[in-house]
Protein backbone atom coordinates (compact mmCIF):
# COMPACT_ATOMS: atom_id res chain seq x y z
CA MET A 1 -8.94 21.77 -55.97
CA GLY A 2 -8.94 25.14 -54.47
CA GLY A 3 -6.96 28.06 -55.87
CA GLU A 4 -7.01 30.12 -59.05
CA GLU A 5 -3.87 28.35 -60.59
CA ASN A 6 -4.21 25.44 -63.03
CA ASP A 7 -4.05 22.50 -60.42
CA GLY A 8 -6.83 20.49 -62.12
CA PHE A 9 -10.39 21.33 -63.06
CA LEU A 10 -13.66 19.54 -62.14
CA THR A 11 -14.69 17.87 -65.32
CA THR A 12 -18.34 17.79 -66.68
CA ALA A 13 -18.79 14.23 -65.71
CA GLU A 14 -17.68 15.05 -62.22
CA TYR A 15 -19.93 17.90 -62.10
CA GLU A 16 -22.88 15.91 -63.08
CA ARG A 17 -22.14 13.40 -60.44
CA LEU A 18 -21.95 16.11 -57.86
CA ARG A 19 -25.22 17.66 -58.95
CA ARG A 20 -26.87 14.09 -58.84
CA GLY A 21 -25.55 14.09 -55.17
CA THR A 22 -27.87 16.92 -54.04
CA GLU A 23 -30.72 15.94 -51.79
CA THR A 24 -32.72 19.08 -51.60
CA TYR A 25 -34.09 21.69 -54.00
CA ARG A 26 -32.00 24.37 -52.53
CA GLU A 27 -28.72 22.33 -52.78
CA ASP A 28 -29.48 21.67 -56.40
CA ILE A 29 -30.06 25.42 -57.10
CA VAL A 30 -26.77 26.29 -55.28
CA VAL A 31 -24.70 23.71 -57.09
CA ALA A 32 -26.19 24.94 -60.42
CA LEU A 33 -25.60 28.66 -59.87
CA ALA A 34 -21.98 28.12 -58.97
CA GLY A 35 -21.05 25.48 -61.52
CA ARG A 36 -23.43 26.37 -64.58
CA VAL A 37 -23.75 30.20 -64.00
CA GLY A 38 -20.20 30.85 -62.43
CA LEU A 39 -21.46 32.77 -59.37
CA ARG A 40 -19.35 33.36 -56.21
CA PRO A 41 -21.04 32.48 -52.83
CA SER A 42 -21.44 36.28 -52.13
CA GLU A 43 -23.15 36.81 -55.48
CA LEU A 44 -25.23 33.74 -55.07
CA THR A 45 -26.88 34.97 -51.90
CA ARG A 46 -27.85 38.22 -53.43
CA VAL A 47 -29.58 37.38 -56.86
CA ARG A 48 -33.49 37.71 -56.88
CA PRO A 49 -36.22 36.50 -59.34
CA ALA A 50 -36.25 40.16 -60.33
CA ASP A 51 -32.71 39.88 -61.63
CA LEU A 52 -33.64 37.06 -64.05
CA ARG A 53 -34.94 38.25 -67.47
CA PRO A 54 -35.57 36.71 -70.90
CA HIS A 55 -33.74 37.83 -73.92
CA GLU A 56 -35.26 37.10 -77.34
CA ARG A 57 -33.29 36.10 -80.61
CA GLY A 58 -35.32 35.05 -83.53
CA ASP A 59 -37.79 32.53 -82.29
CA GLU A 60 -35.50 31.44 -79.53
CA ARG A 61 -35.50 32.57 -75.80
CA PHE A 62 -32.50 32.99 -73.66
CA TYR A 63 -31.88 34.06 -70.09
CA LEU A 64 -29.63 36.63 -68.51
CA LEU A 65 -29.15 37.16 -64.72
CA ALA A 66 -28.25 40.65 -63.55
CA ILE A 67 -25.51 40.12 -60.84
CA PRO A 68 -24.96 43.15 -58.35
CA GLU A 69 -21.40 44.16 -58.19
CA GLY A 70 -21.62 47.15 -55.78
CA ASP A 71 -21.97 50.82 -56.27
CA GLY A 72 -25.13 50.03 -58.20
CA GLU A 73 -23.24 48.28 -61.13
CA THR A 74 -24.34 44.92 -62.37
CA ARG A 75 -22.88 42.55 -64.90
CA ASP A 76 -25.01 40.08 -67.09
CA ALA A 77 -24.41 36.30 -66.44
CA TYR A 78 -25.81 33.80 -69.04
CA VAL A 79 -28.34 31.28 -67.52
CA PRO A 80 -28.91 28.00 -69.34
CA ALA A 81 -32.67 27.47 -70.08
CA ASP A 82 -32.91 24.43 -67.69
CA VAL A 83 -31.38 26.36 -64.89
CA ALA A 84 -33.58 29.35 -65.50
CA HIS A 85 -36.57 26.99 -65.44
CA ASP A 86 -35.46 25.61 -62.09
CA LEU A 87 -34.86 29.01 -60.55
CA ARG A 88 -38.55 30.16 -61.50
CA LYS A 89 -39.96 26.87 -60.19
CA PHE A 90 -37.88 27.15 -56.93
CA ALA A 91 -39.12 30.61 -56.41
CA ALA A 92 -42.68 29.64 -56.77
CA ALA A 93 -42.38 26.55 -54.75
CA ASN A 94 -40.74 28.42 -51.88
CA ASP A 95 -42.82 31.68 -52.03
CA VAL A 96 -39.77 33.73 -52.87
CA GLY A 97 -40.77 37.29 -53.53
CA ARG A 98 -39.73 39.15 -56.66
CA ASP A 99 -37.25 41.29 -54.66
CA ASP A 100 -36.18 38.63 -52.29
CA PRO A 101 -32.84 36.58 -52.73
CA PHE A 102 -33.24 32.92 -54.13
CA ILE A 103 -30.87 31.78 -51.53
CA ALA A 104 -31.53 33.69 -48.30
CA VAL A 105 -28.45 32.39 -46.34
CA SER A 106 -24.97 33.59 -45.76
CA PRO A 107 -22.04 33.05 -48.00
CA ARG A 108 -20.45 30.96 -45.47
CA ARG A 109 -23.56 28.72 -45.26
CA VAL A 110 -23.63 28.37 -49.06
CA GLN A 111 -20.03 26.98 -48.85
CA MET A 112 -21.19 24.49 -46.26
CA LEU A 113 -24.07 23.31 -48.44
CA VAL A 114 -21.71 22.62 -51.34
CA GLY A 115 -19.55 20.74 -48.80
CA ASP A 116 -22.40 18.68 -47.58
CA VAL A 117 -23.20 17.78 -51.20
CA ALA A 118 -19.60 16.84 -51.93
CA ASP A 119 -19.35 14.54 -48.94
CA ARG A 120 -22.03 12.42 -50.41
CA VAL A 121 -20.25 11.69 -53.79
CA ASP A 122 -17.45 9.21 -53.89
CA GLY A 123 -14.08 10.85 -54.96
CA LEU A 124 -15.33 14.48 -54.81
CA GLY A 125 -15.35 15.01 -51.10
CA ASP A 126 -12.83 18.00 -51.31
CA VAL A 127 -14.99 20.06 -53.98
CA THR A 128 -15.72 23.57 -53.00
CA CYS A 129 -17.51 26.70 -54.40
CA ARG A 130 -14.33 27.76 -55.76
CA ASP A 131 -13.91 24.42 -57.73
CA LEU A 132 -17.47 24.95 -59.18
CA ARG A 133 -16.54 28.36 -60.48
CA LYS A 134 -13.31 27.05 -61.92
CA HIS A 135 -15.20 24.27 -63.68
CA PHE A 136 -17.52 26.97 -65.16
CA ALA A 137 -14.49 28.77 -66.75
CA TRP A 138 -12.82 25.50 -67.86
CA ARG A 139 -16.07 24.06 -69.29
CA HIS A 140 -16.92 27.07 -71.50
CA LEU A 141 -13.37 27.82 -72.57
CA VAL A 142 -11.97 24.35 -73.19
CA GLU A 143 -14.90 22.03 -73.58
CA GLU A 144 -17.50 24.32 -75.42
CA GLY A 145 -14.89 26.80 -77.07
CA ILE A 146 -16.75 29.97 -76.14
CA ASP A 147 -14.92 33.25 -76.82
CA PRO A 148 -12.78 34.17 -73.70
CA ARG A 149 -14.14 37.74 -73.79
CA ALA A 150 -17.75 36.43 -73.24
CA VAL A 151 -16.57 34.14 -70.41
CA GLN A 152 -14.76 36.99 -68.85
CA ALA A 153 -17.69 39.20 -69.08
CA VAL A 154 -20.46 36.78 -67.75
CA GLY A 155 -18.05 35.55 -64.97
CA GLY A 156 -16.81 38.79 -63.60
CA TRP A 157 -13.15 38.33 -64.20
CA LYS A 158 -11.26 41.54 -64.18
CA SER A 159 -9.10 40.79 -67.21
CA LEU A 160 -8.50 38.11 -69.89
CA ASP A 161 -5.23 37.34 -68.07
CA SER A 162 -7.26 36.00 -65.24
CA LEU A 163 -8.48 33.22 -67.55
CA ALA A 164 -4.96 32.35 -68.69
CA PRO A 165 -4.67 29.26 -66.30
CA TYR A 166 -7.58 27.68 -67.99
CA LEU A 167 -6.12 27.86 -71.60
CA ASP A 168 -3.08 25.67 -72.65
CA ALA A 169 -1.21 26.59 -75.76
CA PRO A 170 -2.46 23.88 -78.42
CA THR A 171 0.04 21.43 -79.75
CA ALA A 172 0.58 20.81 -83.45
CA ALA A 173 -1.62 17.66 -83.29
CA GLU A 174 -4.39 19.62 -81.62
CA ILE A 175 -4.31 22.26 -84.12
CA VAL A 176 -4.50 19.76 -87.10
CA ASP A 177 -7.16 17.81 -85.19
CA ALA A 178 -9.37 20.87 -84.50
CA PHE A 179 -9.27 22.23 -88.19
CA ALA A 180 -9.61 18.73 -89.74
CA SER A 181 -12.69 18.04 -87.60
CA ARG A 182 -14.11 21.32 -88.58
CA THR A 183 -13.55 20.61 -92.35
CA ARG A 184 -15.07 17.02 -92.02
CA GLY A 185 -18.24 18.40 -90.26
CA ARG A 186 -18.87 21.17 -92.78
CA GLY A 187 -22.09 20.82 -94.57
CA ARG A 188 -23.47 17.85 -92.60
CA GLY A 189 -26.05 19.88 -90.77
CA ARG A 190 -28.23 17.78 -88.52
CA GLY A 191 -26.37 14.55 -89.38
CA GLY A 192 -23.22 16.04 -87.67
CA ARG A 193 -25.03 16.90 -84.52
CA ALA A 194 -26.54 13.45 -84.52
CA ALA A 195 -23.17 11.90 -84.66
CA ARG A 196 -21.92 14.03 -81.76
CA ASP A 197 -24.84 13.02 -79.66
CA SER A 198 -24.28 9.41 -80.49
CA ARG A 199 -20.60 9.78 -79.49
CA SER A 200 -21.48 11.45 -76.08
CA ALA A 201 -23.99 8.80 -75.30
CA GLU A 202 -21.36 6.17 -76.04
CA LEU A 203 -18.77 7.84 -73.87
CA LEU A 204 -21.42 8.17 -71.05
CA ALA A 205 -22.24 4.59 -71.09
CA CYS A 206 -18.40 3.74 -70.93
CA ALA A 207 -17.99 6.12 -67.86
CA GLU A 208 -21.01 4.29 -66.05
CA ALA A 209 -19.51 0.79 -66.81
CA LEU A 210 -16.15 2.01 -65.57
CA GLY A 211 -17.79 3.17 -62.23
CA ARG A 212 -19.26 -0.32 -61.83
CA ALA A 213 -15.93 -1.99 -62.44
CA PHE A 214 -14.16 0.32 -60.01
CA GLU A 215 -16.49 -0.65 -57.16
CA GLU A 216 -15.48 -4.23 -57.57
CA ALA A 217 -11.66 -3.63 -57.68
CA SER A 218 -9.66 -4.38 -54.66
CA THR A 219 -6.10 -3.71 -55.89
CA ASN A 220 -4.35 -1.07 -58.11
CA GLU A 221 -3.92 -3.88 -60.60
CA ASP A 222 -7.66 -4.54 -60.80
CA VAL A 223 -8.43 -0.87 -61.30
CA GLU A 224 -5.92 -0.40 -64.03
CA ARG A 225 -6.99 -3.49 -65.78
CA ALA A 226 -10.65 -2.54 -65.64
CA ALA A 227 -9.86 0.90 -67.09
CA CYS A 228 -8.10 -0.52 -69.98
CA GLU A 229 -10.83 -3.15 -70.71
CA GLN A 230 -13.58 -0.63 -70.56
CA LEU A 231 -11.93 2.17 -72.68
CA ALA A 232 -10.91 -0.36 -75.30
CA ASP A 233 -14.64 -0.59 -76.23
CA VAL A 234 -14.50 3.03 -77.52
CA TYR A 235 -10.64 3.55 -78.36
CA ARG A 236 -8.19 2.06 -80.69
CA ALA A 237 -5.76 1.29 -78.13
CA VAL A 238 -5.40 1.86 -74.26
CA TRP A 239 -2.29 1.77 -72.09
CA ILE A 240 -1.73 2.69 -68.37
CA CYS A 241 1.90 3.56 -67.86
CA ASP A 242 4.44 4.94 -65.44
CA GLU A 243 5.78 8.41 -66.10
CA SER A 244 8.27 7.12 -68.69
CA GLY A 245 5.69 5.56 -70.77
CA ALA A 246 6.42 1.91 -69.88
CA PRO A 247 2.97 0.07 -69.83
CA ARG A 248 1.63 -1.51 -66.70
CA ALA A 249 -1.57 -2.58 -68.15
CA SER A 250 -3.00 -2.35 -71.86
CA ALA A 251 -5.69 -3.10 -74.19
CA ALA A 252 -3.84 -2.69 -77.58
CA PRO A 253 -2.78 -4.40 -80.64
CA GLU A 254 0.37 -6.77 -80.61
CA ARG A 255 3.73 -5.31 -80.66
CA THR A 256 2.54 -1.67 -79.64
CA ASP A 257 3.67 -1.67 -76.04
CA ASP A 258 6.51 0.68 -77.10
CA VAL A 259 4.31 3.16 -78.72
CA PRO A 260 3.60 5.21 -75.43
CA SER A 261 7.21 5.59 -74.51
CA THR A 262 8.14 6.40 -78.25
CA VAL A 263 5.45 9.22 -78.41
CA LEU A 264 6.25 10.73 -75.04
CA ARG A 265 10.01 10.72 -75.78
CA GLU A 266 9.49 12.83 -78.68
CA THR A 267 7.77 15.71 -76.83
CA ASP A 268 8.15 17.59 -73.66
CA ALA A 269 4.42 18.15 -73.27
CA VAL A 270 4.19 15.85 -70.35
CA ALA A 271 7.12 16.91 -68.40
CA GLU A 272 7.06 15.57 -64.66
CA GLY A 273 5.06 17.98 -62.53
CA GLU A 274 3.54 19.88 -65.42
CA THR A 275 1.12 17.25 -66.80
CA ALA A 276 -2.14 18.93 -67.82
CA ASP A 277 -5.50 17.22 -67.43
CA VAL A 278 -5.35 15.87 -71.04
CA THR A 279 -2.58 16.34 -73.58
CA ILE A 280 -3.25 15.58 -77.32
CA LEU A 281 -0.16 14.42 -79.09
CA ALA A 282 0.60 13.22 -82.76
CA GLY A 283 0.79 9.40 -82.91
CA PRO A 284 3.66 7.19 -84.10
CA SER A 285 4.95 7.80 -87.68
CA ASP A 286 4.53 4.06 -88.70
CA GLY A 287 3.05 0.81 -87.53
CA PRO A 288 -0.66 -0.09 -86.96
CA LEU A 289 -1.41 3.17 -85.11
CA SER A 290 0.29 5.61 -87.39
CA ARG A 291 -2.73 7.42 -88.41
CA CYS A 292 -3.86 7.96 -84.87
CA SER A 293 -3.71 10.90 -82.50
CA PHE A 294 -2.57 10.21 -79.03
CA ALA A 295 -4.16 11.46 -75.72
CA VAL A 296 -2.35 11.44 -72.41
CA ALA A 297 -4.17 11.98 -68.97
CA PRO A 298 -2.33 11.90 -65.64
CA LEU A 299 -3.49 9.43 -62.93
CA ARG A 300 -3.68 12.22 -60.48
CA SER A 301 -4.61 12.34 -56.77
CA SER A 302 -4.42 15.73 -55.51
CA GLU A 303 -0.99 16.92 -56.58
CA THR A 304 0.67 13.45 -56.81
CA VAL A 305 0.74 11.88 -60.37
CA HIS A 306 0.75 8.01 -60.07
CA GLY A 307 1.11 7.24 -63.79
CA LEU A 308 -0.35 8.11 -67.18
CA LEU A 309 -3.36 6.97 -68.97
CA CYS A 310 -2.41 6.79 -72.73
CA VAL A 311 -5.12 6.37 -75.49
CA ALA A 312 -5.01 6.28 -79.27
CA ALA A 313 -7.91 7.06 -81.46
CA ASP A 314 -8.68 8.66 -84.86
CA SER A 315 -9.48 11.91 -83.30
CA PHE A 316 -10.49 13.34 -79.97
CA ARG A 317 -13.54 15.67 -79.26
CA SER A 318 -14.21 17.67 -76.19
CA ALA A 319 -16.31 14.79 -74.67
CA ASP A 320 -13.45 12.46 -75.00
CA ARG A 321 -11.13 14.93 -73.12
CA THR A 322 -13.74 15.12 -70.45
CA LEU A 323 -13.92 11.39 -70.05
CA LEU A 324 -10.25 10.82 -70.03
CA ALA A 325 -9.57 13.60 -67.51
CA ASP A 326 -12.37 12.00 -65.28
CA VAL A 327 -10.76 8.50 -65.56
CA GLY A 328 -7.39 9.63 -64.86
CA ARG A 329 -8.66 11.41 -61.54
CA ARG A 330 -10.62 8.32 -60.60
CA VAL A 331 -7.72 5.96 -61.06
CA GLY A 332 -5.35 8.15 -59.21
CA ARG A 333 -7.69 8.78 -56.25
CA THR A 334 -8.34 5.02 -56.05
CA ALA A 335 -4.67 4.29 -55.99
CA THR A 336 -4.03 6.40 -52.92
CA SER A 337 -7.12 4.94 -51.21
CA ILE A 338 -6.09 1.42 -51.83
CA ALA A 339 -2.63 2.27 -50.52
CA ARG A 340 -3.96 3.67 -47.34
CA LYS A 341 -6.37 0.71 -46.85
CA ARG A 342 -3.49 -1.59 -47.32
CA LEU A 343 -1.37 0.20 -44.72
CA LEU A 344 -4.41 -0.10 -42.24
CA LEU A 345 -4.88 -3.87 -42.75
CA ALA A 346 -1.29 -5.01 -43.01
CA ASP A 347 0.45 -6.80 -40.31
CA THR A 348 3.66 -4.96 -40.84
CA GLY A 349 4.58 -1.53 -42.44
CA VAL A 350 7.53 0.43 -43.51
CA VAL A 351 8.73 3.35 -41.42
CA LEU A 352 10.56 6.09 -43.20
CA SER A 353 12.30 8.82 -40.96
CA LEU A 354 13.48 11.99 -42.34
CA ARG A 355 15.14 15.15 -41.20
CA SER A 356 14.61 18.65 -42.75
CA THR A 357 16.08 22.12 -42.22
CA ASP A 358 14.17 23.52 -45.21
CA SER A 359 12.81 26.97 -44.27
CA ASP A 360 10.07 26.69 -46.89
CA GLU A 361 8.33 24.24 -44.34
CA PHE A 362 6.59 26.70 -41.97
CA LEU A 363 7.21 24.77 -38.77
CA VAL A 364 10.92 24.67 -39.46
CA SER A 365 11.19 28.56 -40.02
CA ALA A 366 8.77 29.41 -36.98
CA SER A 367 10.63 27.27 -34.59
CA ALA A 368 14.02 28.75 -35.60
CA GLU A 369 12.63 32.29 -35.29
CA LEU A 370 10.83 31.62 -32.09
CA GLY A 371 13.35 29.40 -30.46
CA CYS A 372 10.63 26.92 -29.58
CA ARG A 373 9.68 23.23 -30.02
CA PHE A 374 6.64 22.03 -31.97
CA ALA A 375 5.24 18.53 -31.72
CA LEU A 376 2.51 17.43 -34.14
CA GLN A 377 -0.32 15.57 -32.50
CA GLY A 378 -2.34 14.70 -35.53
CA VAL A 379 -3.48 15.73 -38.97
CA VAL A 380 -7.03 15.91 -40.30
CA PRO A 381 -7.99 16.79 -43.85
CA VAL A 382 -10.90 19.34 -44.50
CA GLU A 383 -12.46 21.11 -47.34
CA ASP A 384 -10.47 23.00 -49.98
CA ARG A 385 -7.74 20.42 -49.60
CA SER A 386 -6.70 21.99 -46.45
CA LEU A 387 -5.31 20.27 -43.42
CA LEU A 388 -5.97 20.68 -39.71
CA TYR A 389 -2.79 20.50 -37.82
CA PHE A 390 -3.08 19.90 -34.12
CA VAL A 391 0.31 21.00 -32.73
CA THR A 392 1.74 21.48 -29.31
CA ALA A 393 4.23 24.31 -28.69
CA ARG A 394 6.71 24.72 -25.82
CA GLY A 395 9.12 27.59 -25.19
CA ALA A 396 7.17 30.51 -26.81
CA ALA A 397 4.39 32.66 -25.70
CA VAL A 398 0.87 31.83 -27.22
CA GLY A 399 0.52 35.21 -28.94
CA ASP A 400 4.00 34.97 -30.54
CA VAL A 401 3.26 31.52 -31.95
CA LEU A 402 -0.20 32.66 -33.46
CA ASP A 403 1.35 35.76 -34.95
CA ARG A 404 4.23 34.04 -36.48
CA VAL A 405 2.36 30.91 -37.87
CA THR A 406 -0.51 32.89 -39.23
CA ALA A 407 1.98 35.01 -41.12
CA ALA A 408 3.09 31.90 -43.09
CA ASP A 409 1.93 31.60 -46.65
CA ALA A 410 0.95 27.93 -46.04
CA VAL A 411 -1.32 28.78 -43.05
CA GLU A 412 -4.83 30.17 -43.50
CA ASP A 413 -5.81 30.44 -39.88
CA ALA A 414 -4.79 29.32 -36.44
CA ARG A 415 -6.30 29.31 -32.97
CA LEU A 416 -5.38 28.27 -29.41
CA VAL A 417 -7.16 24.99 -28.23
CA ARG A 418 -5.80 24.80 -24.78
CA ASP A 419 -2.99 26.41 -22.82
CA TYR A 420 -1.44 23.87 -20.33
CA GLY A 421 1.04 26.32 -18.92
CA ASP A 422 4.31 24.59 -19.87
CA ASP A 423 3.04 24.02 -23.46
CA ALA A 424 0.06 24.85 -25.43
CA LEU A 425 -2.10 23.04 -27.97
CA PHE A 426 -2.97 24.90 -31.31
CA GLU A 427 -4.89 24.17 -34.38
CA PHE A 428 -3.55 25.28 -37.60
CA VAL A 429 -5.47 25.33 -40.91
CA VAL A 430 -2.73 24.60 -43.51
CA SER A 431 -3.61 25.06 -47.17
CA GLY A 432 -0.12 25.16 -48.69
CA GLU A 433 2.49 22.48 -49.06
CA SER A 434 3.93 20.77 -46.15
CA LEU A 435 6.06 17.68 -45.45
CA ALA A 436 2.90 15.94 -44.00
CA THR A 437 0.99 16.71 -47.33
CA VAL A 438 3.87 15.04 -49.42
CA LEU A 439 3.95 12.13 -47.21
CA ALA A 440 0.09 11.63 -47.03
CA GLU A 441 -0.25 12.00 -50.96
CA ARG A 442 2.28 9.11 -51.27
CA GLY A 443 -0.03 6.84 -49.28
CA GLY A 444 1.70 7.41 -45.92
CA THR A 445 0.50 8.26 -42.36
CA VAL A 446 2.38 10.75 -40.39
CA ARG A 447 3.53 8.89 -37.17
CA GLU A 448 5.58 11.40 -35.33
CA LEU A 449 6.67 14.96 -36.21
CA SER A 450 8.69 17.31 -34.03
CA VAL A 451 10.62 20.42 -34.63
CA GLU A 452 13.18 22.18 -32.53
CA ALA A 453 15.49 25.07 -33.36
CA GLY A 454 14.81 24.91 -37.10
CA VAL A 455 15.42 21.17 -37.33
CA LEU A 456 12.40 18.86 -38.23
CA GLU A 457 12.27 15.03 -37.76
CA VAL A 458 9.33 13.20 -39.16
CA SER A 459 8.42 9.52 -39.53
CA GLY A 460 5.76 8.15 -41.91
CA VAL A 461 4.27 4.72 -42.08
CA PHE A 462 3.61 3.17 -45.52
CA SER A 463 2.58 -0.14 -46.86
CA GLN A 464 5.23 -2.87 -47.53
CA ARG A 465 4.76 -2.19 -51.21
CA VAL A 466 5.81 1.52 -51.16
CA ASP A 467 8.42 2.72 -53.54
CA VAL A 468 10.93 4.30 -51.12
CA ARG A 469 12.84 5.95 -53.76
CA ARG A 470 9.90 7.66 -55.38
CA VAL A 471 8.71 8.84 -51.77
CA VAL A 472 12.01 10.53 -51.03
CA GLU A 473 12.26 12.05 -54.41
CA ALA A 474 8.73 13.56 -53.93
CA VAL A 475 9.85 14.94 -50.52
CA GLU A 476 13.03 16.41 -51.80
CA ALA A 477 11.43 17.99 -54.78
CA ALA A 478 9.22 19.92 -52.49
CA PHE A 479 11.75 20.53 -49.75
CA PRO A 480 15.36 20.07 -50.98
CA GLU A 481 16.95 20.53 -47.49
CA THR A 482 15.53 17.16 -46.41
CA ASN A 483 17.31 13.85 -45.99
CA LEU A 484 16.20 10.23 -45.43
CA LEU A 485 17.51 9.18 -42.02
CA SER A 486 16.29 5.47 -41.92
CA LYS A 487 13.95 2.89 -43.19
CA GLY A 488 12.58 0.18 -40.98
CA GLU A 489 9.67 -2.12 -40.37
CA ILE A 490 6.90 -1.81 -37.70
CA GLU A 491 4.71 -4.47 -36.35
CA GLU A 492 0.97 -3.90 -36.08
CA PRO A 493 -0.48 -3.59 -32.61
CA ALA A 494 -2.55 -6.09 -30.78
CA ARG A 495 -5.42 -7.61 -32.64
CA SER A 496 -8.06 -5.67 -30.70
CA ALA A 497 -6.58 -2.40 -31.92
CA VAL A 498 -6.48 -3.59 -35.37
CA SER A 499 -10.16 -4.61 -35.13
CA VAL A 500 -11.06 -1.01 -34.14
CA ARG A 501 -8.93 0.41 -36.97
CA GLN A 502 -10.66 -1.86 -39.51
CA THR A 503 -14.01 -0.59 -38.26
CA VAL A 504 -12.86 2.99 -38.70
CA ARG A 505 -11.69 2.23 -42.31
CA ASP A 506 -14.49 -0.16 -43.34
CA GLU A 507 -17.48 0.95 -41.69
CA LEU A 508 -17.06 4.73 -41.15
CA THR A 509 -17.64 7.07 -44.03
CA GLU A 510 -14.71 9.38 -44.94
CA ARG A 511 -16.56 12.33 -43.33
CA GLN A 512 -17.30 10.27 -40.15
CA GLN A 513 -13.61 9.43 -39.82
CA THR A 514 -12.45 13.08 -40.46
CA VAL A 515 -14.90 14.47 -37.82
CA LEU A 516 -14.15 11.82 -35.14
CA ARG A 517 -10.34 12.41 -35.47
CA ALA A 518 -10.66 16.20 -35.60
CA ALA A 519 -12.82 16.03 -32.36
CA TYR A 520 -10.36 13.92 -30.68
CA LEU A 521 -7.38 15.94 -31.55
CA ALA A 522 -9.14 19.24 -30.64
CA GLY A 523 -9.90 18.02 -27.06
CA TYR A 524 -13.67 17.61 -27.75
CA PHE A 525 -13.80 14.62 -25.54
CA GLU A 526 -11.73 15.97 -22.70
CA TRP A 527 -13.22 17.65 -19.58
CA PRO A 528 -13.27 20.50 -19.62
CA ARG A 529 -13.56 20.53 -23.40
CA GLY A 530 -10.71 21.88 -25.43
CA SER A 531 -12.92 22.90 -28.15
CA THR A 532 -16.72 23.31 -28.66
CA ALA A 533 -18.89 21.56 -31.22
CA GLU A 534 -19.33 25.15 -32.90
CA GLU A 535 -15.63 25.90 -33.06
CA LEU A 536 -14.89 22.49 -34.53
CA ALA A 537 -17.66 22.83 -37.06
CA ALA A 538 -16.39 26.33 -38.13
CA SER A 539 -12.81 24.89 -38.62
CA MET A 540 -14.01 22.13 -40.66
CA GLY A 541 -16.45 24.35 -42.86
CA VAL A 542 -19.63 22.33 -41.80
CA SER A 543 -22.69 23.16 -39.82
CA SER A 544 -23.02 22.24 -36.20
CA PRO A 545 -26.00 19.73 -36.72
CA THR A 546 -23.95 18.08 -39.58
CA LEU A 547 -20.91 17.79 -37.36
CA HIS A 548 -23.05 16.22 -34.56
CA ASN A 549 -24.73 13.85 -36.95
CA HIS A 550 -21.40 12.60 -38.27
CA LEU A 551 -19.94 12.41 -34.83
CA ARG A 552 -22.78 10.44 -33.29
CA LYS A 553 -22.83 7.76 -36.01
CA ALA A 554 -19.02 7.40 -35.90
CA GLN A 555 -19.08 6.99 -32.13
CA GLN A 556 -21.88 4.25 -32.34
CA LYS A 557 -19.88 2.25 -34.83
CA VAL A 558 -16.59 2.47 -32.97
CA PHE A 559 -18.29 1.44 -29.58
CA ASP A 560 -20.07 -1.35 -31.24
CA THR A 561 -16.83 -2.93 -32.19
CA VAL A 562 -15.05 -2.11 -28.83
CA PHE A 563 -17.87 -3.61 -26.75
CA GLU A 564 -18.51 -6.60 -29.01
CA GLU A 565 -14.92 -7.53 -28.69
CA VAL A 566 -14.97 -6.97 -24.92
CA ASP A 567 -18.13 -9.19 -24.61
CA ARG A 568 -16.41 -11.82 -26.87
CA ARG A 569 -13.29 -11.97 -24.73
CA SER A 570 -15.33 -12.36 -21.49
CA SER A 571 -17.35 -15.19 -23.10
CA ASP A 572 -14.15 -16.77 -23.89
CA VAL A 573 -12.83 -16.49 -20.54
CA SER A 574 -15.86 -17.93 -18.92
CA ARG A 575 -15.87 -21.03 -21.18
CA HIS A 576 -12.15 -21.78 -19.93
């Protein structure tokens, strides 16, 4: 979710799930200051109890926080009353002096604290401090409708243009819906507020029921059916469709399955690759749903859209948009997770081999310029949706490789892991788009990748149910100078290896898998070690104790499986 561009925002429901994942008072304060007050990590470590002051208006009390901005300048950030209460209570409980910072750690440590919390929350493991700040802007601009000038001032953005990514131009249906809702609510006083509170409670109950239903689902069909059934309790009609609007699952009146495609066909608001979190459209002109508005949310996993959630209702409020955006992301992430699990457990898989000469792929351009050969040893996902590439290079000096690769837009950082003489092993932190990223987002596992003299060849393993055409189209859209070379099948290795892989998939947490794989690829288990625990922790954005904790638990689970199987085989041999 990193970046300032509009690539999807943390919804309020997701933020609340993240905050419930905190385990210490300090973690809760950090998440609140980033997500509810909009502070950057560097600002968060400087604010003090002396900077928090009340502001009286009538008989109500509000709170502002003076944020140091350098050169003696400050800006006022708005602090919700519950957050201000927590800050004062935290300061008292931890003996924080009036002029001492609330959070006396480095900005890097703040980022690690947020990463630790995110690791504990299903589906939100890639959330960062930047995502919390983006949520702050999105929540206040879109969900709460606060004046952009006020949001700019309290958040410290330099201009209103900086907030443009958070504000989509309203459609005709949204304009009508907004003014109609305002007219209907005029003069209702407390009754109108009570109705809104009742609706929010109803949607919250629906979100909780969805979470329980998703936990029991084992296939994409189960997930999509559960989403339709639960949402049907609070909306007139629900469909889950492909990108053209053809329903794959639904809970809708009879003879309305053509409604999604009809509505989508009449607008370009959901063009492929430009789908917003939630788009409100005018409903059909006739039929049982003719008086309805129509909401469309992408089933998104990272940058990949797996389909569309389409919902019909009399009108949509901000709470509805929050729920639908959250459901779309949860269904999309579950689709990717199920595809990868199916690949790990299948007896056979589909292997797609591709060749690329596209200079936008940084390894292609680097190998052409340096006249060297790169071979990918493995890829590990880390925070901020970055990837750790472990790559060997042959035919180029170490310094030249580091200079050329770090100059690429897609690469945040690079380091030498070990120089073997003829070749060298590097670690690249890749945050931009790459061929490996595209294949992974379509449910694939990169099997082999090598580049020489500007020509890249890669093979990815997918489940038997993969839509090859869609994978190839996704690759070609990102890197046009890429072609499919072949498609084949691969047999799963011996059963003992499959047992270990099942253990890794089913018993290890996602963070344990990530740490174990990164340690292996970085030479942590070699002698002498290719990387220290401190270097590995820094690359992954976690603390050294956290890395050791995950690594020990992961090793124990894998060794349990290996030695249980060895003992079982020995027992079988002795009986014979």
